[in-house]
């Protein structure tokens, strides 16, 4: 067993006291603090812009049904949530059993100020086809006033 006397003889005298010394930290300069603050403000602004900006495309469009009439026509019904202020355009296509596009059309959903955001409206599209289709479905939708489309 180690005694206090053994420890003193081994390590030389009494145990050192733990003292908290002040460390001298370097402070950031005023321009550095201003630059960091401006960078954080810009990052928060960009995050807020992307977080609160309106969606560039309508959400929730679904294919409800399709009917392959013959080798020249396919009828497709889609569900679209109308927008209160903007017109929506959707592309609808018919594809063969090998997923080749055999027909394409676009349908327009007018803006509806009384639109209920919880219930979609149904839109039917007649798609002229070049050969017998195996299915018809919506491909994508976008706001008609969007300059990218």
Protein backbone atom coordinates (compact mmCIF):
# COMPACT_ATOMS: atom_id res chain seq x y z
CA UNK A 1 0.00 0.00 0.00
CA UNK A 2 1.29 3.43 -0.87
CA UNK A 3 1.38 5.96 1.91
CA UNK A 4 1.63 9.71 1.77
CA UNK A 5 5.27 9.50 2.86
CA UNK A 6 6.08 7.20 -0.07
CA UNK A 7 4.43 9.56 -2.49
CA UNK A 8 6.33 12.53 -1.08
CA UNK A 9 9.63 10.73 -1.34
CA UNK A 10 8.86 9.51 -4.83
CA UNK A 11 7.62 12.78 -6.27
CA UNK A 12 9.45 15.26 -4.11
CA UNK A 13 7.50 17.14 -1.53
CA UNK A 14 3.92 17.91 -1.29
CA UNK A 15 1.41 17.62 -4.07
CA UNK A 16 1.20 20.67 -6.27
CA UNK A 17 -1.85 22.85 -5.98
CA UNK A 18 -4.03 23.11 -9.00
CA UNK A 19 -4.25 26.70 -9.97
CA UNK A 20 -6.39 28.05 -12.71
CA UNK A 21 -4.21 30.30 -14.68
CA UNK A 22 -5.73 32.86 -16.94
CA UNK A 23 -5.09 32.09 -20.50
CA UNK A 24 -4.74 34.98 -22.81
CA UNK A 25 -6.98 34.34 -25.76
CA UNK A 26 -6.63 36.39 -28.82
CA UNK A 27 -9.70 38.43 -29.58
CA UNK A 28 -11.09 38.81 -33.06
CA UNK A 29 -10.68 42.19 -34.63
CA UNK A 30 -13.71 44.40 -35.18
CA UNK A 31 -13.71 43.88 -39.00
CA UNK A 32 -13.56 40.09 -38.47
CA UNK A 33 -16.56 40.19 -36.12
CA UNK A 34 -18.49 42.38 -38.58
CA UNK A 35 -17.59 40.03 -41.45
CA UNK A 36 -18.71 36.95 -39.54
CA UNK A 37 -21.96 38.67 -38.56
CA UNK A 38 -22.63 39.72 -42.15
CA UNK A 39 -21.91 36.18 -43.38
CA UNK A 40 -24.31 34.67 -40.86
CA UNK A 41 -27.00 37.22 -41.76
CA UNK A 42 -26.58 36.41 -45.46
CA UNK A 43 -26.77 32.65 -44.78
CA UNK A 44 -29.94 33.10 -42.73
CA UNK A 45 -31.43 35.26 -45.49
CA UNK A 46 -30.72 32.65 -48.17
CA UNK A 47 -32.17 29.88 -46.00
CA UNK A 48 -35.29 31.96 -45.35
CA UNK A 49 -35.66 32.69 -49.08
CA UNK A 50 -35.58 29.00 -49.99
CA UNK A 51 -37.74 28.04 -47.02
CA UNK A 52 -40.54 30.55 -47.60
CA UNK A 53 -40.43 31.04 -51.38
CA UNK A 54 -43.42 29.61 -53.26
CA UNK A 55 -42.95 26.20 -54.80
CA UNK A 56 -41.80 26.34 -58.44
CA UNK A 57 -44.06 23.40 -59.34
CA UNK A 58 -47.53 22.34 -58.19
CA UNK A 59 -47.64 19.54 -55.66
CA UNK A 60 -49.76 16.43 -55.49
CA UNK A 61 -50.69 15.75 -59.12
CA UNK A 62 -51.68 12.10 -59.56
CA UNK A 63 -52.85 9.85 -62.35
CA UNK A 64 -56.36 8.64 -61.53
CA UNK A 65 -57.12 6.41 -64.52
CA UNK A 66 -56.42 5.72 -68.16
CA UNK A 67 -58.33 4.01 -70.96
CA UNK A 68 -56.62 2.74 -74.08
CA UNK A 69 -59.41 3.24 -76.66
CA UNK A 70 -57.53 1.97 -79.70
CA UNK A 71 -54.18 2.33 -81.44
CA UNK A 72 -54.80 6.04 -82.09
CA UNK A 73 -56.32 7.27 -78.82
CA UNK A 74 -55.75 6.97 -75.07
CA UNK A 75 -57.83 8.84 -72.46
CA UNK A 76 -56.14 9.74 -69.20
CA UNK A 77 -57.68 11.31 -66.10
CA UNK A 78 -55.45 13.13 -63.62
CA UNK A 79 -56.08 14.81 -60.28
CA UNK A 80 -54.63 18.32 -59.90
CA UNK A 81 -54.76 20.70 -56.93
CA UNK A 82 -55.68 24.04 -58.56
CA UNK A 83 -53.91 27.22 -57.53
CA UNK A 84 -55.87 30.27 -56.45
CA UNK A 85 -53.78 32.71 -58.50
CA UNK A 86 -51.83 30.87 -61.18
CA UNK A 87 -52.78 28.70 -64.14
CA UNK A 88 -51.25 25.21 -64.18
CA UNK A 89 -50.12 23.28 -67.25
CA UNK A 90 -49.61 19.51 -67.08
CA UNK A 91 -48.02 17.21 -69.61
CA UNK A 92 -49.77 13.89 -70.12
CA UNK A 93 -48.31 11.06 -72.13
CA UNK A 94 -49.18 7.62 -73.40
CA UNK A 95 -46.49 4.94 -73.39
CA UNK A 96 -46.11 1.55 -75.02
CA UNK A 97 -45.41 -1.67 -73.17
CA UNK A 98 -41.68 -0.91 -73.58
CA UNK A 99 -42.13 2.55 -71.98
CA UNK A 100 -41.65 4.33 -75.31
CA UNK A 101 -43.69 7.53 -75.58
CA UNK A 102 -46.35 7.00 -78.26
CA UNK A 103 -48.47 10.08 -77.53
CA UNK A 104 -48.19 13.41 -75.72
CA UNK A 105 -50.43 16.34 -74.90
CA UNK A 106 -50.64 19.23 -72.45
CA UNK A 107 -53.71 20.21 -70.43
CA UNK A 108 -54.34 23.52 -68.71
CA UNK A 109 -55.97 23.96 -65.32
CA UNK A 110 -57.20 27.55 -64.89
CA UNK A 111 -56.58 29.51 -61.70
CA UNK A 112 -59.45 29.18 -59.22
CA UNK A 113 -59.80 31.81 -56.45
CA UNK A 114 -62.18 29.48 -54.56
CA UNK A 115 -59.78 26.54 -54.85
CA UNK A 116 -59.79 24.18 -51.90
CA UNK A 117 -56.21 23.15 -51.19
CA UNK A 118 -57.43 19.86 -49.72
CA UNK A 119 -59.31 18.46 -52.71
CA UNK A 120 -58.00 17.99 -56.26
CA UNK A 121 -60.05 18.51 -59.38
CA UNK A 122 -60.12 15.88 -62.11
CA UNK A 123 -58.98 16.70 -65.63
CA UNK A 124 -59.34 14.35 -68.59
CA UNK A 125 -57.03 14.39 -71.57
CA UNK A 126 -57.42 12.68 -74.95
CA UNK A 127 -53.99 11.67 -76.20
CA UNK A 128 -53.51 10.95 -79.89
CA UNK A 129 -51.12 8.00 -80.21
CA UNK A 130 -48.91 6.68 -83.01
CA UNK A 131 -49.41 3.05 -81.96
CA UNK A 132 -51.23 1.05 -79.32
CA UNK A 133 -50.41 2.38 -75.86
CA UNK A 134 -50.23 0.26 -72.73
CA UNK A 135 -50.86 3.13 -70.28
CA UNK A 136 -51.33 6.86 -69.94
CA UNK A 137 -50.15 9.08 -67.09
CA UNK A 138 -49.16 12.61 -66.17
CA UNK A 139 -45.50 13.36 -66.61
CA UNK A 140 -45.14 16.73 -64.87
CA UNK A 141 -46.95 19.96 -64.06
CA UNK A 142 -45.77 23.56 -63.86
CA UNK A 143 -47.18 27.02 -63.41
CA UNK A 144 -48.01 28.50 -66.82
CA UNK A 145 -46.47 31.89 -65.96
CA UNK A 146 -43.11 30.37 -64.99
CA UNK A 147 -40.51 31.70 -67.47
CA UNK A 148 -38.45 28.48 -67.28
CA UNK A 149 -41.11 26.49 -69.11
